[in-house]
C-alpha cells in the first residue's frame, strides 16, 4: 500500500505521468470542463471533497513551479487565495480572468473536480521538476 496520502488511482497515475510545464486544474463543483479534457471527478456531495484538502493531497506528490488563479478568486473568495498561498509557499502565482482560466482548461492534462461550493475555488498547478 502507498505511504503517501494520495490514494485515488486516476489522480496518482496522472501525477506520475506529468512532464515539466504540464497543467493540472483543481476545480470547484461548478467549473465547466471541456469535453476533450480528461476529467477526474472526485465530487461526492456538496463540500466533499473540499478544494483545499484536494490541493493539499495533490501537493503531497506533485512538484509545482507556479500556480494560476482567477482575479475573481482574490476579490470574491480571499480565504481561498490565502489558503493557497499557505500551501504553496514560495510558488509564484499568476492571475488571469476567470474566462482566461476556463480557456486554459482546454490545454490542461486534466481537470480534477471537487465537491467545493465556494465561488472561484479553482487553481491551475503547473508541473515543475524535482531536479
N, C-alpha and C. Protein backbone atom coordinates (compact mmCIF):
# COMPACT_ATOMS: atom_id res chain seq x y z
N UNK A 1 0.83 -1.18 0.00
CA UNK A 1 0.00 0.00 0.00
C UNK A 1 0.88 1.25 0.00
N UNK A 2 0.40 2.31 -0.66
CA UNK A 2 1.16 3.55 -0.73
C UNK A 2 1.37 4.18 0.63
N UNK A 3 2.48 4.88 0.78
CA UNK A 3 2.79 5.56 2.03
C UNK A 3 2.34 7.03 2.02
N UNK A 4 2.12 7.57 0.83
CA UNK A 4 1.70 8.97 0.74
C UNK A 4 0.19 9.07 0.89
N UNK A 5 -0.33 10.27 1.17
CA UNK A 5 -1.77 10.42 1.42
C UNK A 5 -2.67 10.16 0.20
N UNK A 6 -2.14 10.32 -1.01
CA UNK A 6 -2.96 10.20 -2.21
C UNK A 6 -3.27 8.75 -2.53
N UNK A 7 -4.55 8.38 -2.46
CA UNK A 7 -4.96 7.01 -2.73
C UNK A 7 -5.71 6.84 -4.05
N UNK A 8 -6.25 7.93 -4.62
CA UNK A 8 -7.02 7.84 -5.84
C UNK A 8 -6.13 7.40 -7.00
N UNK A 9 -6.47 6.29 -7.63
CA UNK A 9 -5.64 5.71 -8.69
C UNK A 9 -5.49 6.64 -9.89
N UNK A 10 -6.59 7.19 -10.37
CA UNK A 10 -6.53 8.05 -11.56
C UNK A 10 -5.68 9.29 -11.30
N UNK A 11 -5.82 9.88 -10.14
CA UNK A 11 -5.06 11.07 -9.80
C UNK A 11 -3.58 10.75 -9.62
N UNK A 12 -3.29 9.65 -8.99
CA UNK A 12 -1.90 9.22 -8.80
C UNK A 12 -1.23 8.93 -10.14
N UNK A 13 -1.95 8.25 -11.04
CA UNK A 13 -1.40 7.97 -12.38
C UNK A 13 -1.16 9.26 -13.15
N UNK A 14 -2.09 10.21 -13.06
CA UNK A 14 -1.93 11.49 -13.74
C UNK A 14 -0.65 12.17 -13.28
N UNK A 15 -0.46 12.29 -11.98
CA UNK A 15 0.71 12.98 -11.44
C UNK A 15 2.00 12.28 -11.86
N UNK A 16 1.99 10.95 -11.85
CA UNK A 16 3.17 10.20 -12.26
C UNK A 16 3.51 10.42 -13.73
N UNK A 17 2.52 10.79 -14.54
CA UNK A 17 2.75 10.95 -15.98
C UNK A 17 3.09 12.38 -16.39
N UNK A 18 3.06 13.33 -15.44
CA UNK A 18 3.28 14.74 -15.79
C UNK A 18 4.71 15.01 -16.21
N UNK A 19 4.83 15.92 -17.16
CA UNK A 19 6.13 16.45 -17.55
C UNK A 19 6.21 17.92 -17.18
N UNK A 20 7.40 18.47 -17.30
CA UNK A 20 7.64 19.87 -16.95
C UNK A 20 6.71 20.78 -17.75
N UNK A 21 5.97 21.62 -17.05
CA UNK A 21 5.08 22.58 -17.69
C UNK A 21 3.66 22.09 -17.91
N UNK A 22 3.40 20.80 -17.68
CA UNK A 22 2.03 20.30 -17.80
C UNK A 22 1.15 20.96 -16.74
N UNK A 23 -0.11 21.16 -17.10
CA UNK A 23 -1.04 21.83 -16.20
C UNK A 23 -2.11 20.87 -15.69
N UNK A 24 -2.41 20.98 -14.40
CA UNK A 24 -3.49 20.23 -13.76
C UNK A 24 -4.39 21.26 -13.09
N UNK A 25 -5.68 21.17 -13.35
CA UNK A 25 -6.65 22.09 -12.75
C UNK A 25 -7.33 21.38 -11.59
N UNK A 26 -7.34 22.04 -10.44
CA UNK A 26 -8.15 21.58 -9.31
C UNK A 26 -9.33 22.55 -9.28
N UNK A 27 -10.55 22.02 -9.41
CA UNK A 27 -11.71 22.86 -9.64
C UNK A 27 -12.81 22.67 -8.62
N UNK A 28 -13.60 23.72 -8.47
CA UNK A 28 -14.81 23.61 -7.67
C UNK A 28 -15.85 22.81 -8.45
N UNK A 29 -17.00 22.58 -7.84
CA UNK A 29 -18.01 21.73 -8.44
C UNK A 29 -18.64 22.34 -9.69
N UNK A 30 -18.54 23.65 -9.86
CA UNK A 30 -19.24 24.31 -10.95
C UNK A 30 -18.42 24.69 -12.17
N UNK A 31 -17.10 24.52 -12.12
CA UNK A 31 -16.28 24.94 -13.26
C UNK A 31 -16.63 24.09 -14.49
N UNK A 32 -16.93 24.74 -15.62
CA UNK A 32 -17.21 23.95 -16.82
C UNK A 32 -15.93 23.27 -17.31
N UNK A 33 -16.02 22.00 -17.60
CA UNK A 33 -14.86 21.22 -18.04
C UNK A 33 -15.03 20.90 -19.51
N UNK A 34 -14.06 21.29 -20.35
CA UNK A 34 -14.18 20.99 -21.78
C UNK A 34 -14.32 19.48 -22.01
N UNK A 35 -15.16 19.12 -22.98
CA UNK A 35 -15.43 17.71 -23.26
C UNK A 35 -14.17 16.93 -23.59
N UNK A 36 -13.20 17.60 -24.23
CA UNK A 36 -11.99 16.91 -24.66
C UNK A 36 -10.92 16.80 -23.57
N UNK A 37 -11.12 17.47 -22.45
CA UNK A 37 -10.14 17.46 -21.36
C UNK A 37 -10.45 16.30 -20.42
N UNK A 38 -9.41 15.56 -20.06
CA UNK A 38 -9.56 14.44 -19.13
C UNK A 38 -10.10 14.96 -17.81
N UNK A 39 -11.13 14.30 -17.30
CA UNK A 39 -11.79 14.70 -16.06
C UNK A 39 -11.59 13.61 -15.01
N UNK A 40 -11.15 14.04 -13.84
CA UNK A 40 -11.13 13.15 -12.68
C UNK A 40 -12.15 13.75 -11.72
N UNK A 41 -13.29 13.11 -11.63
CA UNK A 41 -14.40 13.64 -10.85
C UNK A 41 -14.41 13.02 -9.46
N UNK A 42 -13.98 13.81 -8.49
CA UNK A 42 -13.95 13.36 -7.10
C UNK A 42 -15.19 13.79 -6.33
N UNK A 43 -16.01 14.67 -6.93
CA UNK A 43 -17.15 15.24 -6.23
C UNK A 43 -18.12 14.15 -5.78
N UNK A 44 -18.42 14.16 -4.49
CA UNK A 44 -19.34 13.19 -3.91
C UNK A 44 -20.65 13.87 -3.52
N UNK A 45 -20.52 14.98 -2.81
CA UNK A 45 -21.66 15.78 -2.39
C UNK A 45 -21.14 17.18 -2.09
N UNK A 46 -22.02 18.09 -1.79
CA UNK A 46 -21.61 19.48 -1.51
C UNK A 46 -20.50 19.52 -0.46
N UNK A 47 -19.35 20.04 -0.88
CA UNK A 47 -18.22 20.20 0.03
C UNK A 47 -17.31 18.99 0.20
N UNK A 48 -17.64 17.89 -0.43
CA UNK A 48 -16.86 16.65 -0.25
C UNK A 48 -16.42 16.11 -1.60
N UNK A 49 -15.11 15.99 -1.84
CA UNK A 49 -14.05 16.55 -1.00
C UNK A 49 -13.94 18.05 -1.21
N UNK A 50 -13.35 18.70 -0.24
CA UNK A 50 -13.15 20.13 -0.33
C UNK A 50 -11.99 20.48 -1.25
N UNK A 51 -12.01 21.70 -1.72
CA UNK A 51 -10.98 22.20 -2.63
C UNK A 51 -9.59 22.19 -1.98
N UNK A 52 -9.46 22.81 -0.82
CA UNK A 52 -8.15 22.93 -0.18
C UNK A 52 -7.62 21.56 0.21
N UNK A 53 -8.46 20.68 0.72
CA UNK A 53 -7.98 19.35 1.10
C UNK A 53 -7.51 18.58 -0.14
N UNK A 54 -8.16 18.81 -1.28
CA UNK A 54 -7.73 18.16 -2.52
C UNK A 54 -6.40 18.71 -2.99
N UNK A 55 -6.25 20.04 -2.96
CA UNK A 55 -4.97 20.65 -3.34
C UNK A 55 -3.86 20.13 -2.42
N UNK A 56 -4.10 20.10 -1.14
CA UNK A 56 -3.09 19.63 -0.17
C UNK A 56 -2.66 18.20 -0.52
N UNK A 57 -3.61 17.34 -0.84
CA UNK A 57 -3.29 15.94 -1.15
C UNK A 57 -2.52 15.83 -2.46
N UNK A 58 -2.92 16.58 -3.47
CA UNK A 58 -2.18 16.58 -4.75
C UNK A 58 -0.75 17.04 -4.52
N UNK A 59 -0.56 18.05 -3.70
CA UNK A 59 0.78 18.58 -3.44
C UNK A 59 1.68 17.58 -2.71
N UNK A 60 1.09 16.57 -2.11
CA UNK A 60 1.91 15.55 -1.45
C UNK A 60 2.72 14.74 -2.46
N UNK A 61 2.32 14.81 -3.74
CA UNK A 61 3.03 14.06 -4.78
C UNK A 61 3.48 14.90 -5.97
N UNK A 62 2.92 16.08 -6.15
CA UNK A 62 3.20 16.87 -7.35
C UNK A 62 4.16 18.02 -7.06
N UNK A 63 5.20 18.14 -7.88
CA UNK A 63 6.10 19.29 -7.82
C UNK A 63 5.48 20.41 -8.64
N UNK A 64 5.29 21.57 -8.04
CA UNK A 64 4.63 22.70 -8.70
C UNK A 64 5.61 23.85 -8.83
N UNK A 65 5.72 24.39 -10.06
CA UNK A 65 6.62 25.53 -10.26
C UNK A 65 5.89 26.86 -10.26
N UNK A 66 4.59 26.85 -10.57
CA UNK A 66 3.78 28.06 -10.48
C UNK A 66 2.31 27.68 -10.46
N UNK A 67 1.50 28.64 -10.03
CA UNK A 67 0.06 28.42 -9.93
C UNK A 67 -0.65 29.57 -10.63
N UNK A 68 -1.78 29.24 -11.24
CA UNK A 68 -2.59 30.24 -11.95
C UNK A 68 -3.97 30.26 -11.30
N UNK A 69 -4.41 31.46 -10.94
CA UNK A 69 -5.74 31.62 -10.36
C UNK A 69 -6.46 32.75 -11.08
N UNK A 70 -7.76 32.81 -10.88
CA UNK A 70 -8.56 33.89 -11.46
C UNK A 70 -8.51 35.12 -10.56
N UNK A 71 -8.51 36.29 -11.19
CA UNK A 71 -8.59 37.55 -10.44
C UNK A 71 -9.79 37.53 -9.51
N UNK A 72 -10.87 36.92 -9.97
CA UNK A 72 -12.10 36.87 -9.19
C UNK A 72 -11.92 36.12 -7.87
N UNK A 73 -11.01 35.17 -7.84
CA UNK A 73 -10.75 34.42 -6.60
C UNK A 73 -10.28 35.37 -5.50
N UNK A 74 -9.35 36.21 -5.84
CA UNK A 74 -8.79 37.16 -4.87
C UNK A 74 -9.87 38.10 -4.36
N UNK A 75 -10.72 38.55 -5.27
CA UNK A 75 -11.75 39.53 -4.94
C UNK A 75 -12.94 38.91 -4.20
N UNK A 76 -13.42 37.76 -4.67
CA UNK A 76 -14.67 37.18 -4.16
C UNK A 76 -14.43 36.17 -3.03
N UNK A 77 -13.34 35.42 -3.13
CA UNK A 77 -13.05 34.37 -2.14
C UNK A 77 -11.62 34.50 -1.63
N UNK A 78 -11.31 35.60 -0.92
CA UNK A 78 -9.93 35.84 -0.49
C UNK A 78 -9.37 34.74 0.41
N UNK A 79 -10.23 34.04 1.16
CA UNK A 79 -9.75 32.96 2.02
C UNK A 79 -9.16 31.83 1.19
N UNK A 80 -9.73 31.57 0.02
CA UNK A 80 -9.18 30.55 -0.87
C UNK A 80 -7.77 30.93 -1.28
N UNK A 81 -7.59 32.19 -1.66
CA UNK A 81 -6.26 32.67 -2.05
C UNK A 81 -5.29 32.57 -0.90
N UNK A 82 -5.71 32.95 0.28
CA UNK A 82 -4.84 32.88 1.46
C UNK A 82 -4.44 31.43 1.75
N UNK A 83 -5.39 30.51 1.67
CA UNK A 83 -5.10 29.09 1.91
C UNK A 83 -4.14 28.55 0.85
N UNK A 84 -4.33 28.95 -0.40
CA UNK A 84 -3.43 28.50 -1.47
C UNK A 84 -2.02 29.02 -1.23
N UNK A 85 -1.89 30.28 -0.86
CA UNK A 85 -0.56 30.84 -0.60
C UNK A 85 0.13 30.13 0.55
N UNK A 86 -0.64 29.71 1.55
CA UNK A 86 -0.07 28.96 2.67
C UNK A 86 0.43 27.60 2.20
N UNK A 87 -0.35 26.92 1.38
CA UNK A 87 0.03 25.59 0.88
C UNK A 87 1.18 25.66 -0.12
N UNK A 88 1.22 26.73 -0.90
CA UNK A 88 2.19 26.85 -1.99
C UNK A 88 3.24 27.91 -1.67
N UNK A 89 3.77 27.88 -0.48
CA UNK A 89 4.77 28.84 -0.05
C UNK A 89 5.96 28.82 -1.02
N UNK A 90 6.33 30.00 -1.50
CA UNK A 90 7.47 30.10 -2.40
C UNK A 90 7.13 29.86 -3.87
N UNK A 91 5.90 29.47 -4.16
CA UNK A 91 5.48 29.23 -5.55
C UNK A 91 4.86 30.52 -6.08
N UNK A 92 5.33 31.01 -7.23
CA UNK A 92 4.74 32.23 -7.78
C UNK A 92 3.32 31.99 -8.31
N UNK A 93 2.48 33.01 -8.13
CA UNK A 93 1.10 32.96 -8.61
C UNK A 93 0.94 33.92 -9.79
N UNK A 94 0.20 33.47 -10.78
CA UNK A 94 -0.18 34.31 -11.91
C UNK A 94 -1.68 34.49 -11.83
N UNK A 95 -2.15 35.71 -12.05
CA UNK A 95 -3.59 35.97 -12.04
C UNK A 95 -4.07 36.25 -13.44
N UNK A 96 -5.17 35.62 -13.80
CA UNK A 96 -5.83 35.82 -15.09
C UNK A 96 -7.32 36.01 -14.82
N UNK A 97 -8.05 36.41 -15.83
CA UNK A 97 -9.50 36.49 -15.65
C UNK A 97 -10.09 35.08 -15.55
N UNK A 98 -11.29 34.99 -15.00
CA UNK A 98 -11.95 33.69 -14.91
C UNK A 98 -12.17 33.09 -16.30
N UNK A 99 -12.47 33.95 -17.26
CA UNK A 99 -12.65 33.47 -18.65
C UNK A 99 -11.35 32.89 -19.20
N UNK A 100 -10.22 33.54 -18.92
CA UNK A 100 -8.93 33.01 -19.36
C UNK A 100 -8.61 31.69 -18.68
N UNK A 101 -8.94 31.58 -17.39
CA UNK A 101 -8.71 30.34 -16.67
C UNK A 101 -9.52 29.21 -17.31
N UNK A 102 -10.77 29.49 -17.65
CA UNK A 102 -11.60 28.47 -18.31
C UNK A 102 -11.01 28.08 -19.67
N UNK A 103 -10.47 29.05 -20.40
CA UNK A 103 -9.82 28.74 -21.68
C UNK A 103 -8.59 27.87 -21.50
N UNK A 104 -7.83 28.11 -20.43
CA UNK A 104 -6.63 27.30 -20.16
C UNK A 104 -6.98 25.84 -19.86
N UNK A 105 -8.20 25.59 -19.42
CA UNK A 105 -8.62 24.21 -19.15
C UNK A 105 -8.53 23.34 -20.40
N UNK A 106 -8.64 23.95 -21.57
CA UNK A 106 -8.51 23.20 -22.83
C UNK A 106 -7.10 22.65 -23.01
N UNK A 107 -6.11 23.31 -22.42
CA UNK A 107 -4.71 22.89 -22.56
C UNK A 107 -4.22 22.05 -21.39
N UNK A 108 -5.04 21.91 -20.37
CA UNK A 108 -4.64 21.15 -19.18
C UNK A 108 -4.62 19.66 -19.48
N UNK A 109 -3.74 18.95 -18.80
CA UNK A 109 -3.72 17.49 -18.89
C UNK A 109 -4.98 16.89 -18.30
N UNK A 110 -5.51 17.55 -17.24
CA UNK A 110 -6.73 17.07 -16.60
C UNK A 110 -7.33 18.16 -15.74
N UNK A 111 -8.63 18.00 -15.49
CA UNK A 111 -9.33 18.82 -14.51
C UNK A 111 -9.83 17.87 -13.43
N UNK A 112 -9.49 18.20 -12.19
CA UNK A 112 -9.92 17.42 -11.04
C UNK A 112 -11.08 18.17 -10.41
N UNK A 113 -12.27 17.59 -10.49
CA UNK A 113 -13.48 18.24 -9.96
C UNK A 113 -13.70 17.82 -8.52
N UNK A 114 -13.82 18.82 -7.64
CA UNK A 114 -14.09 18.56 -6.23
C UNK A 114 -15.56 18.84 -5.93
N UNK A 115 -15.95 18.66 -4.70
CA UNK A 115 -17.30 18.99 -4.28
C UNK A 115 -17.42 20.40 -3.72
N UNK A 116 -16.40 21.21 -3.94
CA UNK A 116 -16.34 22.57 -3.38
C UNK A 116 -17.44 23.46 -3.95
N UNK A 117 -18.11 24.21 -3.08
CA UNK A 117 -19.15 25.15 -3.48
C UNK A 117 -18.75 26.60 -3.25
N UNK A 118 -17.50 26.88 -2.91
CA UNK A 118 -17.02 28.25 -2.75
C UNK A 118 -16.78 28.84 -4.13
N UNK A 119 -17.32 30.03 -4.42
CA UNK A 119 -17.12 30.63 -5.73
C UNK A 119 -15.64 30.83 -6.08
N UNK A 120 -15.29 30.51 -7.30
CA UNK A 120 -13.95 30.72 -7.86
C UNK A 120 -12.86 29.95 -7.13
N UNK A 121 -13.21 28.83 -6.54
CA UNK A 121 -12.21 27.97 -5.88
C UNK A 121 -11.62 27.04 -6.95
N UNK A 122 -10.74 27.61 -7.76
CA UNK A 122 -10.09 26.90 -8.86
C UNK A 122 -8.64 27.32 -8.91
N UNK A 123 -7.76 26.39 -9.26
CA UNK A 123 -6.35 26.72 -9.43
C UNK A 123 -5.77 25.81 -10.51
N UNK A 124 -4.89 26.37 -11.29
CA UNK A 124 -4.12 25.57 -12.25
C UNK A 124 -2.73 25.43 -11.66
N UNK A 125 -2.33 24.18 -11.47
CA UNK A 125 -0.99 23.87 -10.97
C UNK A 125 -0.12 23.50 -12.17
N UNK A 126 0.99 24.19 -12.31
CA UNK A 126 1.92 23.94 -13.41
C UNK A 126 3.07 23.10 -12.87
N UNK A 127 3.27 21.93 -13.50
CA UNK A 127 4.26 20.98 -13.00
C UNK A 127 5.67 21.51 -13.16
N UNK A 128 6.44 21.32 -12.11
CA UNK A 128 7.86 21.64 -12.13
C UNK A 128 8.65 20.35 -12.22
N UNK A 129 9.93 20.44 -11.98
CA UNK A 129 10.80 19.28 -11.99
C UNK A 129 11.46 19.15 -10.62
N UNK A 130 11.84 17.93 -10.27
CA UNK A 130 12.42 17.72 -8.95
C UNK A 130 13.94 17.70 -8.99
N UNK A 131 14.51 18.01 -10.12
CA UNK A 131 15.98 18.08 -10.22
C UNK A 131 16.42 19.41 -10.73
